[in-house]
N, C-alpha and C. Protein backbone atom coordinates (compact mmCIF):
# COMPACT_ATOMS: atom_id res chain seq x y z
N MET A 1 0.60 -1.15 -0.12
CA MET A 1 -0.10 -0.03 0.07
C MET A 1 0.96 1.25 0.01
N ILE A 2 0.53 2.33 -0.81
CA ILE A 2 1.22 3.39 -0.94
C ILE A 2 1.08 4.23 0.28
N MET A 3 2.09 5.12 0.68
CA MET A 3 2.17 6.00 1.93
C MET A 3 1.49 7.25 1.45
N THR A 4 1.02 7.97 2.44
CA THR A 4 0.45 9.30 2.16
C THR A 4 1.70 10.29 2.18
N THR A 5 1.45 11.50 1.72
CA THR A 5 2.45 12.42 1.59
C THR A 5 2.96 12.84 3.16
N LYS A 6 2.06 12.92 4.00
CA LYS A 6 2.40 12.87 5.43
C LYS A 6 3.27 11.88 5.98
N GLN A 7 2.97 10.73 5.67
CA GLN A 7 3.75 9.63 5.99
C GLN A 7 5.22 9.63 5.40
N ILE A 8 5.22 9.98 4.14
CA ILE A 8 6.46 10.03 3.34
C ILE A 8 7.23 11.12 3.94
N TRP A 9 6.66 12.33 4.40
CA TRP A 9 7.46 13.37 5.11
C TRP A 9 8.04 12.91 6.39
N LYS A 10 7.17 12.24 7.18
CA LYS A 10 7.60 11.76 8.56
C LYS A 10 8.93 10.81 8.28
N THR A 11 8.80 9.87 7.41
CA THR A 11 9.86 8.91 7.18
C THR A 11 11.00 9.42 6.33
N TYR A 12 10.82 10.16 5.39
CA TYR A 12 12.05 10.64 4.48
C TYR A 12 12.55 12.07 4.49
N SER A 13 11.87 12.94 5.03
CA SER A 13 12.17 14.33 4.91
C SER A 13 13.52 14.64 5.54
N ASP A 14 14.06 14.04 6.53
CA ASP A 14 15.33 14.29 7.19
C ASP A 14 16.48 13.77 6.08
N ASP A 15 16.19 12.62 5.71
CA ASP A 15 17.18 12.11 4.72
C ASP A 15 17.19 12.91 3.36
N LEU A 16 16.04 13.38 2.74
CA LEU A 16 16.09 14.19 1.65
C LEU A 16 16.65 15.46 1.87
N LYS A 17 16.54 16.08 3.19
CA LYS A 17 16.95 17.34 3.36
C LYS A 17 18.59 17.29 3.44
N ARG A 18 19.13 16.07 4.17
CA ARG A 18 20.49 16.01 4.07
C ARG A 18 21.15 15.79 2.74
N PHE A 19 20.49 15.14 1.83
CA PHE A 19 20.94 14.81 0.47
C PHE A 19 21.02 16.23 -0.25
N ILE A 20 19.95 17.02 -0.11
CA ILE A 20 19.72 18.31 -0.85
C ILE A 20 20.87 19.22 -0.24
N PHE A 21 21.03 19.25 1.09
CA PHE A 21 21.99 20.09 1.69
C PHE A 21 23.38 19.78 1.17
N SER A 22 23.79 18.52 1.09
CA SER A 22 24.90 18.05 0.74
C SER A 22 25.37 18.52 -0.70
N LYS A 23 24.25 18.79 -1.36
CA LYS A 23 24.62 19.47 -2.97
C LYS A 23 24.56 20.90 -3.00
N VAL A 24 23.74 21.59 -2.27
CA VAL A 24 23.67 23.15 -2.30
C VAL A 24 24.52 23.69 -1.20
N LYS A 25 24.69 23.15 -0.07
CA LYS A 25 25.50 23.56 1.05
C LYS A 25 24.92 24.89 1.57
N ASN A 26 23.59 25.19 1.64
CA ASN A 26 22.92 26.24 2.07
C ASN A 26 21.57 25.80 2.60
N ASP A 27 21.52 26.09 3.99
CA ASP A 27 20.29 25.37 4.68
C ASP A 27 18.94 25.94 4.32
N ALA A 28 18.95 27.28 4.20
CA ALA A 28 17.62 27.97 3.53
C ALA A 28 17.39 27.45 2.09
N VAL A 29 18.39 27.45 1.14
CA VAL A 29 18.15 26.96 -0.18
C VAL A 29 17.61 25.48 -0.01
N ALA A 30 18.19 24.62 0.82
CA ALA A 30 17.80 23.17 0.92
C ALA A 30 16.27 23.15 1.49
N ASP A 31 15.98 24.06 2.32
CA ASP A 31 14.42 24.01 2.75
C ASP A 31 13.56 24.37 1.78
N ASP A 32 13.94 25.41 0.99
CA ASP A 32 13.16 25.63 -0.31
C ASP A 32 13.08 24.60 -1.08
N ILE A 33 14.11 23.84 -1.47
CA ILE A 33 14.12 22.78 -2.50
C ILE A 33 13.28 21.71 -1.94
N LEU A 34 13.49 21.41 -0.61
CA LEU A 34 12.65 20.30 0.02
C LEU A 34 11.25 20.65 -0.04
N GLN A 35 10.85 21.76 0.09
CA GLN A 35 9.38 22.10 -0.14
C GLN A 35 8.97 21.99 -1.55
N ASP A 36 9.75 22.18 -2.44
CA ASP A 36 9.47 21.86 -3.97
C ASP A 36 9.29 20.51 -4.26
N VAL A 37 10.18 19.67 -3.55
CA VAL A 37 10.37 18.20 -3.72
C VAL A 37 8.98 17.66 -3.18
N PHE A 38 8.56 18.16 -2.06
CA PHE A 38 7.43 17.68 -1.43
C PHE A 38 5.98 17.97 -2.16
N VAL A 39 6.12 19.22 -2.77
CA VAL A 39 5.02 19.59 -3.76
C VAL A 39 4.92 18.59 -4.78
N LYS A 40 6.18 18.32 -5.43
CA LYS A 40 6.00 17.35 -6.71
C LYS A 40 5.65 15.88 -6.06
N ILE A 41 6.08 15.48 -4.96
CA ILE A 41 5.57 14.23 -4.53
C ILE A 41 4.26 14.25 -4.20
N HIS A 42 3.66 15.28 -3.59
CA HIS A 42 2.30 15.30 -3.41
C HIS A 42 1.41 15.20 -4.63
N THR A 43 1.95 15.89 -5.66
CA THR A 43 1.13 16.08 -6.98
C THR A 43 1.26 14.77 -7.82
N LYS A 44 2.39 14.14 -7.70
CA LYS A 44 2.57 13.06 -8.53
C LYS A 44 2.67 11.60 -7.96
N LEU A 45 2.43 11.60 -6.70
CA LEU A 45 2.37 10.32 -5.96
C LEU A 45 1.43 9.26 -6.66
N ASN A 46 0.51 9.54 -7.22
CA ASN A 46 -0.40 8.61 -7.87
C ASN A 46 0.31 8.07 -9.00
N THR A 47 1.15 8.56 -9.68
CA THR A 47 2.00 8.11 -10.93
C THR A 47 2.83 7.06 -10.51
N LEU A 48 3.17 6.77 -9.14
CA LEU A 48 4.19 5.73 -8.76
C LEU A 48 3.55 4.40 -8.96
N GLN A 49 4.26 3.61 -9.94
CA GLN A 49 3.51 2.37 -10.16
C GLN A 49 4.14 1.28 -9.32
N ASP A 50 5.47 1.12 -8.80
CA ASP A 50 5.94 0.24 -8.12
C ASP A 50 6.44 0.71 -6.67
N VAL A 51 5.49 0.54 -5.59
CA VAL A 51 5.66 0.96 -4.29
C VAL A 51 7.13 0.64 -3.63
N SER A 52 7.74 -0.43 -4.17
CA SER A 52 8.87 -1.02 -3.68
C SER A 52 10.07 -0.04 -4.07
N LYS A 53 9.76 0.73 -5.04
CA LYS A 53 10.82 1.82 -5.52
C LYS A 53 10.58 3.30 -5.09
N LEU A 54 9.78 3.41 -4.00
CA LEU A 54 9.48 4.72 -3.34
C LEU A 54 10.70 5.53 -3.13
N LYS A 55 11.48 4.82 -2.34
CA LYS A 55 12.68 5.66 -1.86
C LYS A 55 13.52 6.27 -3.13
N SER A 56 13.87 5.36 -4.07
CA SER A 56 14.59 5.67 -5.14
C SER A 56 13.90 6.83 -5.90
N TRP A 57 12.44 6.74 -6.18
CA TRP A 57 11.77 7.66 -6.70
C TRP A 57 11.85 9.08 -6.07
N LEU A 58 11.63 9.00 -4.59
CA LEU A 58 11.84 10.24 -3.99
C LEU A 58 13.11 10.92 -4.00
N PHE A 59 14.20 10.15 -4.19
CA PHE A 59 15.56 10.77 -4.34
C PHE A 59 15.90 11.20 -5.84
N SER A 60 15.12 10.66 -6.77
CA SER A 60 15.25 11.00 -8.21
C SER A 60 14.56 12.40 -8.11
N ILE A 61 13.46 12.58 -7.53
CA ILE A 61 12.88 13.88 -7.49
C ILE A 61 13.60 14.91 -6.84
N ALA A 62 14.24 14.58 -5.79
CA ALA A 62 15.18 15.43 -5.18
C ALA A 62 16.31 15.94 -5.97
N ARG A 63 16.87 14.82 -6.66
CA ARG A 63 18.06 15.10 -7.46
C ARG A 63 17.80 16.06 -8.67
N TYR A 64 16.69 15.90 -9.34
CA TYR A 64 16.21 16.64 -10.49
C TYR A 64 15.80 18.08 -9.88
N SER A 65 15.36 18.14 -8.48
CA SER A 65 15.02 19.56 -8.16
C SER A 65 16.23 20.26 -7.86
N VAL A 66 17.40 19.68 -7.38
CA VAL A 66 18.61 20.27 -7.11
C VAL A 66 19.22 20.73 -8.52
N LEU A 67 19.26 19.82 -9.55
CA LEU A 67 19.55 20.21 -10.85
C LEU A 67 18.85 21.41 -11.33
N ASP A 68 17.59 21.56 -11.22
CA ASP A 68 16.73 22.50 -11.54
C ASP A 68 17.01 23.89 -10.83
N TYR A 69 17.49 23.69 -9.58
CA TYR A 69 17.93 24.94 -8.82
C TYR A 69 19.22 25.41 -9.47
N PHE A 70 20.04 24.54 -9.76
CA PHE A 70 21.47 24.86 -10.32
C PHE A 70 21.24 25.64 -11.63
N LYS A 71 20.28 25.12 -12.42
CA LYS A 71 19.94 25.47 -13.73
C LYS A 71 19.50 26.93 -13.77
N THR A 72 18.40 27.19 -12.84
CA THR A 72 17.63 28.36 -12.89
C THR A 72 18.46 29.52 -12.30
N ASN A 73 19.39 29.27 -11.33
CA ASN A 73 20.24 30.10 -10.80
C ASN A 73 21.52 30.28 -11.36
N ASN A 74 21.83 29.60 -12.57
CA ASN A 74 23.01 29.83 -13.41
C ASN A 74 24.19 29.42 -12.41
N LYS A 75 24.15 28.53 -11.64
CA LYS A 75 25.20 27.85 -10.78
C LYS A 75 25.84 26.68 -11.57
N THR A 76 27.23 26.48 -11.28
CA THR A 76 27.74 25.29 -11.86
C THR A 76 27.64 24.20 -10.87
N PHE A 77 27.77 23.02 -11.40
CA PHE A 77 27.70 21.83 -10.78
C PHE A 77 28.40 20.74 -11.40
N GLU A 78 28.76 19.76 -10.70
CA GLU A 78 29.25 18.59 -11.30
C GLU A 78 28.25 17.51 -11.50
N ILE A 79 28.26 17.01 -12.73
CA ILE A 79 27.25 16.05 -13.09
C ILE A 79 27.72 14.70 -12.40
N ALA A 80 28.90 14.64 -12.09
CA ALA A 80 29.57 13.43 -11.63
C ALA A 80 28.83 13.14 -10.20
N ASN A 81 28.42 14.26 -9.57
CA ASN A 81 27.82 14.11 -8.14
C ASN A 81 26.53 13.58 -8.23
N PHE A 82 25.87 13.46 -9.40
CA PHE A 82 24.48 12.93 -9.58
C PHE A 82 24.64 11.60 -10.36
N GLU A 83 23.70 10.82 -9.95
CA GLU A 83 23.61 9.64 -10.89
C GLU A 83 22.80 9.97 -12.05
N THR A 84 23.45 10.09 -13.18
CA THR A 84 22.68 10.75 -14.44
C THR A 84 21.87 9.44 -14.90
N GLN A 85 20.55 10.04 -15.12
CA GLN A 85 19.42 9.15 -15.69
C GLN A 85 18.93 9.95 -16.71
N THR A 86 18.16 9.35 -17.56
CA THR A 86 17.36 10.01 -18.59
C THR A 86 15.91 10.17 -18.11
N GLN A 87 15.66 11.51 -18.16
CA GLN A 87 14.34 11.96 -17.63
C GLN A 87 13.29 11.87 -18.69
N ILE A 88 12.27 11.28 -18.53
CA ILE A 88 11.27 11.16 -19.59
C ILE A 88 10.28 12.33 -19.30
N LYS A 89 10.08 13.11 -20.31
CA LYS A 89 9.02 14.35 -20.23
C LYS A 89 7.66 13.88 -20.61
N GLN A 90 6.76 14.25 -19.82
CA GLN A 90 5.41 14.06 -20.39
C GLN A 90 5.06 15.09 -21.47
N SER A 91 4.38 14.49 -22.39
CA SER A 91 3.97 15.24 -23.45
C SER A 91 2.68 16.10 -23.49
N THR A 92 1.90 15.50 -22.50
CA THR A 92 0.64 16.18 -22.22
C THR A 92 0.74 17.28 -21.01
N HIS A 93 -0.02 18.23 -21.12
CA HIS A 93 -0.06 19.32 -20.12
C HIS A 93 -1.07 18.74 -19.13
N THR A 94 -0.77 18.99 -17.74
CA THR A 94 -1.69 18.46 -16.69
C THR A 94 -1.91 19.61 -15.77
N GLU A 95 -2.94 19.40 -15.14
CA GLU A 95 -3.28 20.39 -13.79
C GLU A 95 -2.07 20.27 -12.75
N LYS A 96 -1.58 19.13 -12.60
CA LYS A 96 -0.34 18.97 -11.75
C LYS A 96 0.85 20.01 -12.07
N GLU A 97 1.23 19.98 -13.30
CA GLU A 97 2.17 20.85 -13.67
C GLU A 97 1.84 22.33 -13.43
N CYS A 98 0.61 22.73 -13.68
CA CYS A 98 0.11 24.08 -13.37
C CYS A 98 0.16 24.26 -11.97
N LEU A 99 -0.39 23.24 -11.12
CA LEU A 99 -0.25 23.49 -9.56
C LEU A 99 1.08 23.77 -9.12
N HIS A 100 1.98 22.96 -9.64
CA HIS A 100 3.46 23.02 -9.35
C HIS A 100 3.88 24.52 -9.56
N GLY A 101 3.73 25.10 -10.84
CA GLY A 101 4.06 26.30 -11.24
C GLY A 101 3.27 27.42 -10.39
N ILE A 102 2.03 27.27 -10.10
CA ILE A 102 1.35 28.24 -9.36
C ILE A 102 1.95 28.23 -7.94
N LEU A 103 2.22 27.13 -7.27
CA LEU A 103 2.74 27.11 -6.01
C LEU A 103 4.14 27.56 -5.87
N LYS A 104 4.99 27.34 -6.98
CA LYS A 104 6.20 28.16 -6.99
C LYS A 104 6.14 29.42 -7.08
N SER A 105 5.04 30.18 -7.84
CA SER A 105 4.97 31.52 -8.03
C SER A 105 4.39 32.17 -6.70
N LEU A 106 3.79 31.50 -5.84
CA LEU A 106 3.38 32.15 -4.62
C LEU A 106 4.45 32.80 -3.82
N PRO A 107 4.22 33.90 -3.26
CA PRO A 107 5.10 34.56 -2.35
C PRO A 107 5.45 33.56 -1.14
N LYS A 108 6.69 33.58 -0.78
CA LYS A 108 7.13 32.68 0.40
C LYS A 108 6.19 32.78 1.63
N LYS A 109 5.71 33.93 1.79
CA LYS A 109 4.80 34.19 3.21
C LYS A 109 3.61 33.51 2.99
N TYR A 110 3.12 33.12 1.83
CA TYR A 110 1.96 32.28 1.69
C TYR A 110 2.21 30.96 1.41
N ARG A 111 3.23 30.73 0.63
CA ARG A 111 3.65 29.15 0.26
C ARG A 111 3.92 28.36 1.44
N GLU A 112 4.81 28.95 2.24
CA GLU A 112 5.37 28.24 3.48
C GLU A 112 4.06 27.80 4.51
N PRO A 113 3.19 28.67 4.90
CA PRO A 113 2.03 28.21 5.59
C PRO A 113 1.17 26.98 4.83
N LEU A 114 0.93 27.40 3.65
CA LEU A 114 0.31 26.44 2.79
C LEU A 114 0.89 25.05 2.77
N PHE A 115 2.14 25.12 2.50
CA PHE A 115 2.97 23.93 2.44
C PHE A 115 2.78 22.97 3.92
N LEU A 116 3.02 23.82 4.98
CA LEU A 116 2.93 23.14 6.16
C LEU A 116 1.69 22.54 6.48
N SER A 117 0.62 23.28 6.00
CA SER A 117 -0.77 22.95 6.45
C SER A 117 -1.39 21.84 5.52
N ASP A 118 -1.25 22.08 4.25
CA ASP A 118 -1.90 21.05 3.17
C ASP A 118 -1.02 19.94 2.71
N ILE A 119 0.34 20.15 2.85
CA ILE A 119 1.23 19.03 2.32
C ILE A 119 1.73 18.30 3.60
N LYS A 120 2.18 19.08 4.66
CA LYS A 120 2.80 18.55 5.70
C LYS A 120 1.88 17.95 6.65
N GLY A 121 0.72 18.68 6.66
CA GLY A 121 -0.43 18.24 7.65
C GLY A 121 -0.35 18.62 8.91
N LEU A 122 0.35 19.86 9.26
CA LEU A 122 0.47 20.42 10.45
C LEU A 122 -0.81 21.28 10.95
N LYS A 123 -1.17 21.48 12.04
CA LYS A 123 -2.34 22.09 12.58
C LYS A 123 -1.85 23.62 12.54
N GLN A 124 -2.90 24.43 12.33
CA GLN A 124 -2.55 25.86 12.05
C GLN A 124 -1.91 26.50 13.43
N ALA A 125 -2.21 26.04 14.53
CA ALA A 125 -1.68 26.61 15.76
C ALA A 125 -0.09 26.30 15.86
N ASP A 126 0.30 25.05 15.26
CA ASP A 126 1.58 24.53 15.34
C ASP A 126 2.44 25.32 14.15
N ILE A 127 1.70 25.67 13.19
CA ILE A 127 2.45 26.56 12.12
C ILE A 127 2.75 27.82 12.60
N ALA A 128 1.78 28.41 13.32
CA ALA A 128 1.83 29.74 13.81
C ALA A 128 3.14 29.64 14.90
N LYS A 129 3.30 28.71 15.74
CA LYS A 129 4.36 28.75 16.64
C LYS A 129 5.76 28.57 15.80
N GLN A 130 5.82 27.54 14.81
CA GLN A 130 6.92 27.25 14.04
C GLN A 130 7.44 28.70 13.25
N LEU A 131 6.43 29.26 12.73
CA LEU A 131 6.76 30.47 11.94
C LEU A 131 6.92 31.78 12.84
N GLN A 132 6.53 31.62 14.08
CA GLN A 132 6.50 32.76 15.10
C GLN A 132 5.64 33.85 14.55
N LEU A 133 4.48 33.43 14.18
CA LEU A 133 3.43 34.34 13.73
C LEU A 133 2.03 34.10 14.53
N THR A 134 1.21 35.04 14.59
CA THR A 134 -0.06 34.83 15.36
C THR A 134 -0.88 33.97 14.58
N LEU A 135 -1.76 33.10 15.27
CA LEU A 135 -2.64 32.22 14.71
C LEU A 135 -3.60 32.86 13.44
N PRO A 136 -4.24 34.18 13.85
CA PRO A 136 -4.97 34.77 12.92
C PRO A 136 -4.17 35.02 11.47
N THR A 137 -2.92 35.33 11.69
CA THR A 137 -2.09 35.74 10.63
C THR A 137 -1.94 34.35 9.75
N VAL A 138 -1.63 33.27 10.49
CA VAL A 138 -1.44 32.05 9.72
C VAL A 138 -2.62 31.54 8.88
N LYS A 139 -3.89 31.65 9.64
CA LYS A 139 -5.08 31.33 8.93
C LYS A 139 -5.40 32.27 7.80
N SER A 140 -5.09 33.50 7.92
CA SER A 140 -5.40 34.49 6.79
C SER A 140 -4.34 34.20 5.68
N GLN A 141 -3.16 33.70 6.08
CA GLN A 141 -2.22 33.49 4.98
C GLN A 141 -2.62 32.24 4.19
N ILE A 142 -3.00 31.27 4.87
CA ILE A 142 -3.41 30.04 4.24
C ILE A 142 -4.57 30.35 3.36
N GLN A 143 -5.62 31.00 3.94
CA GLN A 143 -6.79 31.18 3.16
C GLN A 143 -6.40 31.99 1.83
N ARG A 144 -5.74 33.07 2.04
CA ARG A 144 -5.07 33.78 0.85
C ARG A 144 -4.36 32.89 -0.17
N ALA A 145 -3.45 32.07 0.31
CA ALA A 145 -2.64 31.12 -0.51
C ALA A 145 -3.75 30.32 -1.46
N ARG A 146 -4.77 29.76 -0.83
CA ARG A 146 -5.64 28.97 -1.34
C ARG A 146 -6.37 29.66 -2.43
N LYS A 147 -6.67 30.97 -2.09
CA LYS A 147 -7.42 31.78 -3.13
C LYS A 147 -6.50 31.96 -4.30
N MET A 148 -5.16 32.25 -4.03
CA MET A 148 -4.22 32.54 -5.05
C MET A 148 -4.01 31.14 -6.07
N VAL A 149 -4.08 30.08 -5.38
CA VAL A 149 -3.95 29.08 -6.25
C VAL A 149 -5.20 28.90 -6.91
N ALA A 150 -6.39 29.06 -6.63
CA ALA A 150 -7.54 28.89 -7.26
C ALA A 150 -7.41 30.10 -8.46
N GLN A 151 -7.12 31.26 -8.00
CA GLN A 151 -6.95 32.28 -9.24
C GLN A 151 -5.78 31.93 -10.07
N GLY A 152 -4.83 31.35 -9.76
CA GLY A 152 -3.79 30.95 -10.67
C GLY A 152 -4.39 29.84 -11.72
N PHE A 153 -5.24 29.05 -11.23
CA PHE A 153 -5.96 27.96 -12.24
C PHE A 153 -6.75 28.82 -13.21
N MET A 154 -7.40 29.88 -12.68
CA MET A 154 -8.24 30.64 -13.61
C MET A 154 -7.32 31.40 -14.61
N ASP A 155 -6.34 32.17 -14.12
CA ASP A 155 -5.49 32.86 -15.06
C ASP A 155 -4.74 32.22 -15.85
N CYS A 156 -4.09 30.93 -15.56
CA CYS A 156 -3.11 30.13 -16.18
C CYS A 156 -4.01 29.16 -17.19
N CYS A 157 -4.92 28.52 -16.63
CA CYS A 157 -5.53 27.56 -17.45
C CYS A 157 -7.03 27.60 -17.96
N GLY A 158 -7.48 28.85 -17.76
CA GLY A 158 -8.76 29.15 -18.13
C GLY A 158 -9.80 28.46 -17.31
N PHE A 159 -9.58 28.01 -16.17
CA PHE A 159 -10.71 27.53 -15.37
C PHE A 159 -11.62 28.68 -14.86
N VAL A 160 -12.89 28.21 -14.40
CA VAL A 160 -13.90 29.29 -13.99
C VAL A 160 -14.30 28.72 -12.64
N GLU A 161 -14.81 29.55 -11.84
CA GLU A 161 -15.58 29.04 -10.54
C GLU A 161 -16.98 29.03 -10.86
N ASN A 162 -17.57 27.83 -10.59
CA ASN A 162 -18.97 27.63 -10.72
C ASN A 162 -19.76 28.34 -9.53
N ASP A 163 -21.10 28.22 -9.45
CA ASP A 163 -22.01 28.92 -8.31
C ASP A 163 -21.63 28.22 -7.08
N ASN A 164 -21.12 26.98 -6.95
CA ASN A 164 -20.67 26.43 -5.65
C ASN A 164 -19.32 26.65 -5.23
N GLY A 165 -18.53 27.46 -5.95
CA GLY A 165 -17.19 27.83 -5.65
C GLY A 165 -16.19 26.78 -6.03
N VAL A 166 -16.61 25.89 -6.94
CA VAL A 166 -15.59 24.92 -7.44
C VAL A 166 -15.18 25.22 -8.83
N LEU A 167 -13.77 25.00 -8.92
CA LEU A 167 -13.23 25.40 -10.24
C LEU A 167 -13.59 24.29 -11.21
N VAL A 168 -13.93 24.67 -12.44
CA VAL A 168 -14.41 23.69 -13.50
C VAL A 168 -13.69 24.42 -14.95
N GLY A 169 -13.62 23.51 -15.71
CA GLY A 169 -13.08 23.81 -17.01
C GLY A 169 -12.11 22.77 -17.46
N GLU A 170 -11.42 23.11 -18.57
CA GLU A 170 -10.43 21.95 -19.17
C GLU A 170 -9.08 22.73 -19.29
N ILE A 171 -8.18 21.83 -18.99
CA ILE A 171 -6.75 22.46 -19.12
C ILE A 171 -6.31 22.91 -20.56
N GLN A 172 -5.71 24.10 -20.60
CA GLN A 172 -5.24 24.64 -21.98
C GLN A 172 -4.08 23.86 -22.43
N GLU A 173 -3.92 24.04 -23.68
CA GLU A 173 -2.46 23.49 -24.33
C GLU A 173 -1.35 24.33 -23.51
N LYS A 174 -0.24 23.61 -23.33
CA LYS A 174 0.94 23.97 -22.74
C LYS A 174 1.40 25.45 -23.22
N GLU A 175 1.29 25.47 -24.58
CA GLU A 175 1.97 26.70 -25.17
C GLU A 175 1.00 28.02 -24.86
N ASP A 176 -0.22 27.69 -24.39
CA ASP A 176 -1.23 28.71 -24.04
C ASP A 176 -1.03 28.99 -22.53
N CYS A 177 -0.47 28.29 -21.84
CA CYS A 177 -0.44 28.52 -20.27
C CYS A 177 0.77 29.42 -19.92
N LYS A 178 0.08 30.39 -19.13
CA LYS A 178 1.07 31.47 -18.65
C LYS A 178 2.14 31.02 -17.60
N ILE A 179 1.81 29.93 -16.87
CA ILE A 179 2.58 29.53 -15.67
C ILE A 179 3.59 28.49 -16.18
N CYS A 180 3.00 27.34 -16.86
CA CYS A 180 3.83 26.39 -17.25
C CYS A 180 4.86 26.64 -18.47
N ASN A 181 4.48 27.49 -19.36
CA ASN A 181 5.18 27.63 -20.58
C ASN A 181 6.60 28.34 -20.38
């Protein structure tokens, strides 16, 4: 049986953080990359076909996230430090890709509480203590982050909100997407 994102966090987050830190040598950057890794894990967990390969799958995600960090920040790195593998790109555009892009574009003050709440599964009071913020501030930031995610889907992918407040629509082609393209 596959683990939940919360169970994966409890089991593997420390190992993944050590691995990421060993590559980037910066604690704050390692934390940001770890967040991105868990967003990817959360959104792509249902694509894992062989549960026995969970750990190697997690570290592959971490490895590619570190590589992405180096590429986007024009930093040099040694390929020898990474086990090189061929990455198979999906040819179809998915809501998950958009979600990842939308979450990455959120300001950190909103992304972090949302990640801790919705991905890591922490209670809002615990998040407030961890981030040294008041509980009403954390609640407000999480609520705003969720609205920003919904707005991102409307702006990026052409979704609309129906009368019940549910996003509906069909994903646009990747070249028409403002976030993923």
